[in-house]
Amino acid sequence: VINVSTKGAAGAFKEYSALAPASLPATPENIQKNLA
């Protein structure tokens, strides 16, 4: 499994995992939902 997306990169998606959808803005709630 290879992540080539911007998830995990610097910027708005830095704290998100590539395995799940990411909702912006990057609030603690949205990040936690993604990581869970």
All heavy atoms as atom14 arrays in JSON, in Angstrom:
{
  "sequence": "VINVSTKGAAGAFKEYSALAPASLPATPENIQKNLA",
  "atom14_mask": [
    [1, 1, 1, 1, 1, 1, 1, 0, 0, 0, 0, 0, 0, 0],
    [1, 1, 1, 1, 1, 1, 1, 1, 0, 0, 0, 0, 0, 0],
    [1, 1, 1, 1, 1, 1, 1, 1, 0, 0, 0, 0, 0, 0],
    [1, 1, 1, 1, 1, 1, 1, 0, 0, 0, 0, 0, 0, 0],
    [1, 1, 1, 1, 1, 1, 0, 0, 0, 0, 0, 0, 0, 0],
    [1, 1, 1, 1, 1, 1, 1, 0, 0, 0, 0, 0, 0, 0],
    [1, 1, 1, 1, 1, 1, 1, 1, 1, 0, 0, 0, 0, 0],
    [1, 1, 1, 1, 0, 0, 0, 0, 0, 0, 0, 0, 0, 0],
    [1, 1, 1, 1, 1, 0, 0, 0, 0, 0, 0, 0, 0, 0],
    [1, 1, 1, 1, 1, 0, 0, 0, 0, 0, 0, 0, 0, 0],
    [1, 1, 1, 1, 0, 0, 0, 0, 0, 0, 0, 0, 0, 0],
    [1, 1, 1, 1, 1, 0, 0, 0, 0, 0, 0, 0, 0, 0],
    [1, 1, 1, 1, 1, 1, 1, 1, 1, 1, 1, 0, 0, 0],
    [1, 1, 1, 1, 1, 1, 1, 1, 1, 0, 0, 0, 0, 0],
    [1, 1, 1, 1, 1, 1, 1, 1, 1, 0, 0, 0, 0, 0],
    [1, 1, 1, 1, 1, 1, 1, 1, 1, 1, 1, 1, 0, 0],
    [1, 1, 1, 1, 1, 1, 0, 0, 0, 0, 0, 0, 0, 0],
    [1, 1, 1, 1, 1, 0, 0, 0, 0, 0, 0, 0, 0, 0],
    [1, 1, 1, 1, 1, 1, 1, 1, 0, 0, 0, 0, 0, 0],
    [1, 1, 1, 1, 1, 0, 0, 0, 0, 0, 0, 0, 0, 0],
    [1, 1, 1, 1, 1, 1, 1, 0, 0, 0, 0, 0, 0, 0],
    [1, 1, 1, 1, 1, 0, 0, 0, 0, 0, 0, 0, 0, 0],
    [1, 1, 1, 1, 1, 1, 0, 0, 0, 0, 0, 0, 0, 0],
    [1, 1, 1, 1, 1, 1, 1, 1, 0, 0, 0, 0, 0, 0],
    [1, 1, 1, 1, 1, 1, 1, 0, 0, 0, 0, 0, 0, 0],
    [1, 1, 1, 1, 1, 0, 0, 0, 0, 0, 0, 0, 0, 0],
    [1, 1, 1, 1, 1, 1, 1, 0, 0, 0, 0, 0, 0, 0],
    [1, 1, 1, 1, 1, 1, 1, 0, 0, 0, 0, 0, 0, 0],
    [1, 1, 1, 1, 1, 1, 1, 1, 1, 0, 0, 0, 0, 0],
    [1, 1, 1, 1, 1, 1, 1, 1, 0, 0, 0, 0, 0, 0],
    [1, 1, 1, 1, 1, 1, 1, 1, 0, 0, 0, 0, 0, 0],
    [1, 1, 1, 1, 1, 1, 1, 1, 1, 0, 0, 0, 0, 0],
    [1, 1, 1, 1, 1, 1, 1, 1, 1, 0, 0, 0, 0, 0],
    [1, 1, 1, 1, 1, 1, 1, 1, 0, 0, 0, 0, 0, 0],
    [1, 1, 1, 1, 1, 1, 1, 1, 0, 0, 0, 0, 0, 0],
    [1, 1, 1, 1, 1, 0, 0, 0, 0, 0, 0, 0, 0, 0]
  ],
  "atom14_positions": [
    [[0.88, -1.18, 0.0], [0.0, 0.0, 0.0], [0.9, 1.22, 0.0], [1.75, 1.37, 0.89], [-0.93, 0.03, 1.22], [-1.81, 1.29, 1.17], [-1.8, -1.22, 1.27], [0.0, 0.0, 0.0], [0.0, 0.0, 0.0], [0.0, 0.0, 0.0], [0.0, 0.0, 0.0], [0.0, 0.0, 0.0], [0.0, 0.0, 0.0], [0.0, 0.0, 0.0]],
    [[0.71, 2.09, -0.99], [1.6, 3.25, -1.16], [0.79, 4.54, -1.11], [-0.15, 4.72, -1.89], [2.34, 3.19, -2.51], [2.99, 1.83, -2.72], [3.39, 4.3, -2.59], [3.48, 1.61, -4.14], [0.0, 0.0, 0.0], [0.0, 0.0, 0.0], [0.0, 0.0, 0.0], [0.0, 0.0, 0.0], [0.0, 0.0, 0.0], [0.0, 0.0, 0.0]],
    [[1.17, 5.45, -0.23], [0.55, 6.77, -0.21], [1.36, 7.73, -1.07], [2.54, 7.97, -0.81], [0.46, 7.33, 1.2], [-0.06, 8.77, 1.2], [-0.99, 9.09, 0.47], [0.55, 9.62, 2.0], [0.0, 0.0, 0.0], [0.0, 0.0, 0.0], [0.0, 0.0, 0.0], [0.0, 0.0, 0.0], [0.0, 0.0, 0.0], [0.0, 0.0, 0.0]],
    [[0.71, 8.29, -2.1], [1.34, 9.33, -2.92], [0.53, 10.61, -2.86], [0.8, 11.57, -3.58], [1.5, 8.88, -4.39], [2.35, 7.63, -4.49], [0.14, 8.65, -5.05], [0.0, 0.0, 0.0], [0.0, 0.0, 0.0], [0.0, 0.0, 0.0], [0.0, 0.0, 0.0], [0.0, 0.0, 0.0], [0.0, 0.0, 0.0], [0.0, 0.0, 0.0]],
    [[-0.5, 10.63, -1.98], [-1.35, 11.8, -1.84], [-0.66, 12.83, -0.93], [0.43, 12.6, -0.43], [-2.7, 11.4, -1.23], [-2.56, 11.14, 0.16], [0.0, 0.0, 0.0], [0.0, 0.0, 0.0], [0.0, 0.0, 0.0], [0.0, 0.0, 0.0], [0.0, 0.0, 0.0], [0.0, 0.0, 0.0], [0.0, 0.0, 0.0], [0.0, 0.0, 0.0]],
    [[-1.34, 13.95, -0.7], [-0.78, 15.0, 0.15], [-1.08, 14.78, 1.63], [-0.64, 15.56, 2.47], [-1.33, 16.38, -0.26], [-2.76, 16.34, -0.22], [-0.87, 16.75, -1.65], [0.0, 0.0, 0.0], [0.0, 0.0, 0.0], [0.0, 0.0, 0.0], [0.0, 0.0, 0.0], [0.0, 0.0, 0.0], [0.0, 0.0, 0.0], [0.0, 0.0, 0.0]],
    [[-1.81, 13.74, 1.95], [-2.09, 13.45, 3.36], [-0.8, 13.07, 4.07], [-0.06, 12.2, 3.61], [-3.11, 12.32, 3.48], [-4.5, 12.71, 3.02], [-5.43, 11.52, 3.07], [-6.79, 11.87, 2.49], [-7.66, 10.68, 2.38], [0.0, 0.0, 0.0], [0.0, 0.0, 0.0], [0.0, 0.0, 0.0], [0.0, 0.0, 0.0], [0.0, 0.0, 0.0]],
    [[-0.54, 13.74, 5.18], [0.69, 13.52, 5.91], [1.79, 14.5, 5.53], [2.83, 14.57, 6.2], [0.0, 0.0, 0.0], [0.0, 0.0, 0.0], [0.0, 0.0, 0.0], [0.0, 0.0, 0.0], [0.0, 0.0, 0.0], [0.0, 0.0, 0.0], [0.0, 0.0, 0.0], [0.0, 0.0, 0.0], [0.0, 0.0, 0.0], [0.0, 0.0, 0.0]],
    [[1.57, 15.24, 4.45], [2.56, 16.22, 3.99], [2.38, 17.53, 4.74], [1.4, 17.74, 5.47], [2.42, 16.46, 2.49], [0.0, 0.0, 0.0], [0.0, 0.0, 0.0], [0.0, 0.0, 0.0], [0.0, 0.0, 0.0], [0.0, 0.0, 0.0], [0.0, 0.0, 0.0], [0.0, 0.0, 0.0], [0.0, 0.0, 0.0], [0.0, 0.0, 0.0]],
    [[3.31, 18.44, 4.56], [3.21, 19.75, 5.19], [1.97, 20.47, 4.68], [1.52, 20.25, 3.55], [4.46, 20.57, 4.88], [0.0, 0.0, 0.0], [0.0, 0.0, 0.0], [0.0, 0.0, 0.0], [0.0, 0.0, 0.0], [0.0, 0.0, 0.0], [0.0, 0.0, 0.0], [0.0, 0.0, 0.0], [0.0, 0.0, 0.0], [0.0, 0.0, 0.0]],
    [[1.4, 21.31, 5.5], [0.22, 22.05, 5.1], [-1.02, 21.55, 5.81], [-0.95, 20.94, 6.88], [0.0, 0.0, 0.0], [0.0, 0.0, 0.0], [0.0, 0.0, 0.0], [0.0, 0.0, 0.0], [0.0, 0.0, 0.0], [0.0, 0.0, 0.0], [0.0, 0.0, 0.0], [0.0, 0.0, 0.0], [0.0, 0.0, 0.0], [0.0, 0.0, 0.0]],
    [[-2.16, 21.78, 5.2], [-3.45, 21.48, 5.84], [-3.63, 20.01, 6.18], [-4.3, 19.66, 7.15], [-4.59, 21.95, 4.94], [0.0, 0.0, 0.0], [0.0, 0.0, 0.0], [0.0, 0.0, 0.0], [0.0, 0.0, 0.0], [0.0, 0.0, 0.0], [0.0, 0.0, 0.0], [0.0, 0.0, 0.0], [0.0, 0.0, 0.0], [0.0, 0.0, 0.0]],
    [[-3.01, 19.11, 5.39], [-3.23, 17.69, 5.59], [-2.13, 17.0, 6.4], [-2.08, 15.77, 6.46], [-3.36, 16.99, 4.23], [-4.59, 17.38, 3.47], [-4.51, 18.29, 2.42], [-5.83, 16.86, 3.8], [-5.65, 18.66, 1.72], [-6.98, 17.22, 3.11], [-6.89, 18.13, 2.06], [0.0, 0.0, 0.0], [0.0, 0.0, 0.0], [0.0, 0.0, 0.0]],
    [[-1.27, 17.76, 7.01], [-0.09, 17.2, 7.68], [-0.42, 16.16, 8.74], [0.27, 15.15, 8.88], [0.72, 18.34, 8.32], [2.0, 17.87, 8.99], [2.79, 19.04, 9.56], [4.08, 18.56, 10.22], [4.86, 19.67, 10.8], [0.0, 0.0, 0.0], [0.0, 0.0, 0.0], [0.0, 0.0, 0.0], [0.0, 0.0, 0.0], [0.0, 0.0, 0.0]],
    [[-1.48, 16.37, 9.53], [-1.79, 15.48, 10.65], [-2.71, 14.33, 10.27], [-3.07, 13.52, 11.12], [-2.45, 16.3, 11.78], [-1.64, 17.48, 12.25], [-0.3, 17.08, 12.83], [-0.22, 15.99, 13.42], [0.68, 17.85, 12.68], [0.0, 0.0, 0.0], [0.0, 0.0, 0.0], [0.0, 0.0, 0.0], [0.0, 0.0, 0.0], [0.0, 0.0, 0.0]],
    [[-3.06, 14.22, 8.99], [-4.01, 13.19, 8.57], [-3.3, 11.93, 8.07], [-2.21, 11.98, 7.5], [-4.9, 13.71, 7.45], [-5.89, 14.78, 7.86], [-5.58, 16.13, 7.76], [-7.14, 14.43, 8.36], [-6.49, 17.11, 8.14], [-8.06, 15.4, 8.74], [-7.73, 16.74, 8.62], [-8.63, 17.7, 8.98], [0.0, 0.0, 0.0], [0.0, 0.0, 0.0]],
    [[-3.98, 10.79, 8.25], [-3.5, 9.53, 7.69], [-4.06, 9.36, 6.29], [-5.19, 9.77, 6.0], [-3.93, 8.35, 8.55], [-3.69, 7.13, 7.89], [0.0, 0.0, 0.0], [0.0, 0.0, 0.0], [0.0, 0.0, 0.0], [0.0, 0.0, 0.0], [0.0, 0.0, 0.0], [0.0, 0.0, 0.0], [0.0, 0.0, 0.0], [0.0, 0.0, 0.0]],
    [[-3.28, 8.7, 5.43], [-3.71, 8.49, 4.05], [-4.77, 7.4, 3.93], [-5.41, 7.26, 2.88], [-2.5, 8.11, 3.2], [0.0, 0.0, 0.0], [0.0, 0.0, 0.0], [0.0, 0.0, 0.0], [0.0, 0.0, 0.0], [0.0, 0.0, 0.0], [0.0, 0.0, 0.0], [0.0, 0.0, 0.0], [0.0, 0.0, 0.0], [0.0, 0.0, 0.0]],
    [[-4.99, 6.62, 4.98], [-5.92, 5.49, 4.89], [-7.39, 5.87, 4.99], [-8.25, 5.05, 4.7], [-5.61, 4.48, 6.0], [-4.53, 3.43, 5.72], [-4.38, 2.5, 6.91], [-4.84, 2.65, 4.45], [0.0, 0.0, 0.0], [0.0, 0.0, 0.0], [0.0, 0.0, 0.0], [0.0, 0.0, 0.0], [0.0, 0.0, 0.0], [0.0, 0.0, 0.0]],
    [[-7.67, 7.1, 5.39], [-9.07, 7.5, 5.58], [-9.32, 8.89, 5.01], [-8.39, 9.67, 4.84], [-9.41, 7.47, 7.07], [0.0, 0.0, 0.0], [0.0, 0.0, 0.0], [0.0, 0.0, 0.0], [0.0, 0.0, 0.0], [0.0, 0.0, 0.0], [0.0, 0.0, 0.0], [0.0, 0.0, 0.0], [0.0, 0.0, 0.0], [0.0, 0.0, 0.0]],
    [[-10.59, 9.19, 4.71], [-10.93, 10.53, 4.2], [-10.53, 11.62, 5.19], [-10.52, 11.4, 6.4], [-12.45, 10.47, 4.04], [-12.77, 9.01, 3.89], [-11.77, 8.31, 4.78], [0.0, 0.0, 0.0], [0.0, 0.0, 0.0], [0.0, 0.0, 0.0], [0.0, 0.0, 0.0], [0.0, 0.0, 0.0], [0.0, 0.0, 0.0], [0.0, 0.0, 0.0]],
    [[-10.21, 12.79, 4.66], [-9.8, 13.93, 5.49], [-10.73, 15.1, 5.25], [-10.89, 15.55, 4.12], [-8.36, 14.31, 5.17], [0.0, 0.0, 0.0], [0.0, 0.0, 0.0], [0.0, 0.0, 0.0], [0.0, 0.0, 0.0], [0.0, 0.0, 0.0], [0.0, 0.0, 0.0], [0.0, 0.0, 0.0], [0.0, 0.0, 0.0], [0.0, 0.0, 0.0]],
    [[-11.32, 15.59, 6.32], [-12.21, 16.75, 6.22], [-11.48, 17.99, 6.72], [-10.79, 17.95, 7.74], [-13.47, 16.53, 7.07], [-14.19, 15.4, 6.61], [0.0, 0.0, 0.0], [0.0, 0.0, 0.0], [0.0, 0.0, 0.0], [0.0, 0.0, 0.0], [0.0, 0.0, 0.0], [0.0, 0.0, 0.0], [0.0, 0.0, 0.0], [0.0, 0.0, 0.0]],
    [[-11.62, 19.07, 5.98], [-11.05, 20.35, 6.39], [-12.15, 21.25, 6.91], [-13.31, 21.11, 6.52], [-10.34, 21.01, 5.19], [-9.08, 20.29, 4.69], [-8.52, 21.02, 3.47], [-8.02, 20.21, 5.79], [0.0, 0.0, 0.0], [0.0, 0.0, 0.0], [0.0, 0.0, 0.0], [0.0, 0.0, 0.0], [0.0, 0.0, 0.0], [0.0, 0.0, 0.0]],
    [[-11.83, 22.19, 7.84], [-10.49, 22.54, 8.31], [-9.9, 21.46, 9.22], [-10.62, 20.59, 9.71], [-10.73, 23.84, 9.07], [-12.14, 23.73, 9.56], [-12.88, 23.03, 8.45], [0.0, 0.0, 0.0], [0.0, 0.0, 0.0], [0.0, 0.0, 0.0], [0.0, 0.0, 0.0], [0.0, 0.0, 0.0], [0.0, 0.0, 0.0], [0.0, 0.0, 0.0]],
    [[-8.58, 21.56, 9.43], [-7.87, 20.55, 10.21], [-8.07, 20.78, 11.7], [-7.13, 21.09, 12.45], [-6.39, 20.57, 9.85], [0.0, 0.0, 0.0], [0.0, 0.0, 0.0], [0.0, 0.0, 0.0], [0.0, 0.0, 0.0], [0.0, 0.0, 0.0], [0.0, 0.0, 0.0], [0.0, 0.0, 0.0], [0.0, 0.0, 0.0], [0.0, 0.0, 0.0]],
    [[-9.29, 20.62, 12.17], [-9.59, 20.77, 13.59], [-9.21, 19.49, 14.32], [-9.1, 18.42, 13.72], [-11.09, 21.04, 13.8], [-11.82, 19.9, 13.29], [-11.54, 22.29, 13.05], [0.0, 0.0, 0.0], [0.0, 0.0, 0.0], [0.0, 0.0, 0.0], [0.0, 0.0, 0.0], [0.0, 0.0, 0.0], [0.0, 0.0, 0.0], [0.0, 0.0, 0.0]],
    [[-9.0, 19.57, 15.64], [-8.7, 18.35, 16.41], [-9.75, 17.26, 16.2], [-9.42, 16.07, 16.13], [-8.66, 18.84, 17.86], [-8.25, 20.28, 17.74], [-8.91, 20.78, 16.49], [0.0, 0.0, 0.0], [0.0, 0.0, 0.0], [0.0, 0.0, 0.0], [0.0, 0.0, 0.0], [0.0, 0.0, 0.0], [0.0, 0.0, 0.0], [0.0, 0.0, 0.0]],
    [[-11.0, 17.67, 16.09], [-12.09, 16.71, 15.9], [-11.98, 16.0, 14.55], [-12.12, 14.77, 14.47], [-13.45, 17.41, 16.02], [-13.78, 17.96, 17.39], [-13.04, 19.25, 17.72], [-12.51, 19.89, 16.77], [-13.0, 19.64, 18.9], [0.0, 0.0, 0.0], [0.0, 0.0, 0.0], [0.0, 0.0, 0.0], [0.0, 0.0, 0.0], [0.0, 0.0, 0.0]],
    [[-11.73, 16.78, 13.49], [-11.62, 16.18, 12.15], [-10.4, 15.28, 12.03], [-10.44, 14.22, 11.4], [-11.56, 17.28, 11.09], [-12.91, 17.91, 10.82], [-13.95, 17.3, 11.09], [-12.91, 19.12, 10.3], [0.0, 0.0, 0.0], [0.0, 0.0, 0.0], [0.0, 0.0, 0.0], [0.0, 0.0, 0.0], [0.0, 0.0, 0.0], [0.0, 0.0, 0.0]],
    [[-9.29, 15.71, 12.64], [-8.07, 14.9, 12.6], [-8.28, 13.6, 13.35], [-7.92, 12.51, 12.88], [-6.88, 15.68, 13.19], [-6.53, 16.87, 12.27], [-5.67, 14.77, 13.36], [-5.51, 17.82, 12.88], [0.0, 0.0, 0.0], [0.0, 0.0, 0.0], [0.0, 0.0, 0.0], [0.0, 0.0, 0.0], [0.0, 0.0, 0.0], [0.0, 0.0, 0.0]],
    [[-8.89, 13.68, 14.54], [-9.12, 12.49, 15.35], [-10.05, 11.51, 14.63], [-9.84, 10.29, 14.68], [-9.72, 12.87, 16.7], [-9.88, 11.7, 17.66], [-8.6, 10.92, 17.85], [-7.53, 11.5, 18.0], [-8.69, 9.59, 17.86], [0.0, 0.0, 0.0], [0.0, 0.0, 0.0], [0.0, 0.0, 0.0], [0.0, 0.0, 0.0], [0.0, 0.0, 0.0]],
    [[-11.06, 12.02, 13.96], [-11.98, 11.16, 13.21], [-11.23, 10.42, 12.11], [-11.43, 9.22, 11.9], [-13.1, 12.01, 12.6], [-14.11, 11.2, 11.8], [-15.18, 12.1, 11.2], [-16.17, 11.28, 10.36], [-17.2, 12.15, 9.74], [0.0, 0.0, 0.0], [0.0, 0.0, 0.0], [0.0, 0.0, 0.0], [0.0, 0.0, 0.0], [0.0, 0.0, 0.0]],
    [[-10.35, 11.15, 11.41], [-9.55, 10.53, 10.35], [-8.63, 9.44, 10.91], [-8.56, 8.32, 10.37], [-8.71, 11.6, 9.65], [-7.57, 11.04, 8.82], [-6.46, 10.9, 9.33], [-7.84, 10.72, 7.56], [0.0, 0.0, 0.0], [0.0, 0.0, 0.0], [0.0, 0.0, 0.0], [0.0, 0.0, 0.0], [0.0, 0.0, 0.0], [0.0, 0.0, 0.0]],
    [[-7.94, 9.74, 12.01], [-6.98, 8.79, 12.57], [-7.69, 7.56, 13.13], [-7.17, 6.43, 13.04], [-6.15, 9.47, 13.66], [-5.24, 10.61, 13.2], [-4.49, 11.21, 14.38], [-4.26, 10.12, 12.14], [0.0, 0.0, 0.0], [0.0, 0.0, 0.0], [0.0, 0.0, 0.0], [0.0, 0.0, 0.0], [0.0, 0.0, 0.0], [0.0, 0.0, 0.0]],
    [[-8.86, 7.76, 13.72], [-9.61, 6.63, 14.27], [-10.06, 5.69, 13.16], [-9.93, 4.45, 13.26], [-10.81, 7.13, 15.06], [0.0, 0.0, 0.0], [0.0, 0.0, 0.0], [0.0, 0.0, 0.0], [0.0, 0.0, 0.0], [0.0, 0.0, 0.0], [0.0, 0.0, 0.0], [0.0, 0.0, 0.0], [0.0, 0.0, 0.0], [0.0, 0.0, 0.0]]
  ]
}
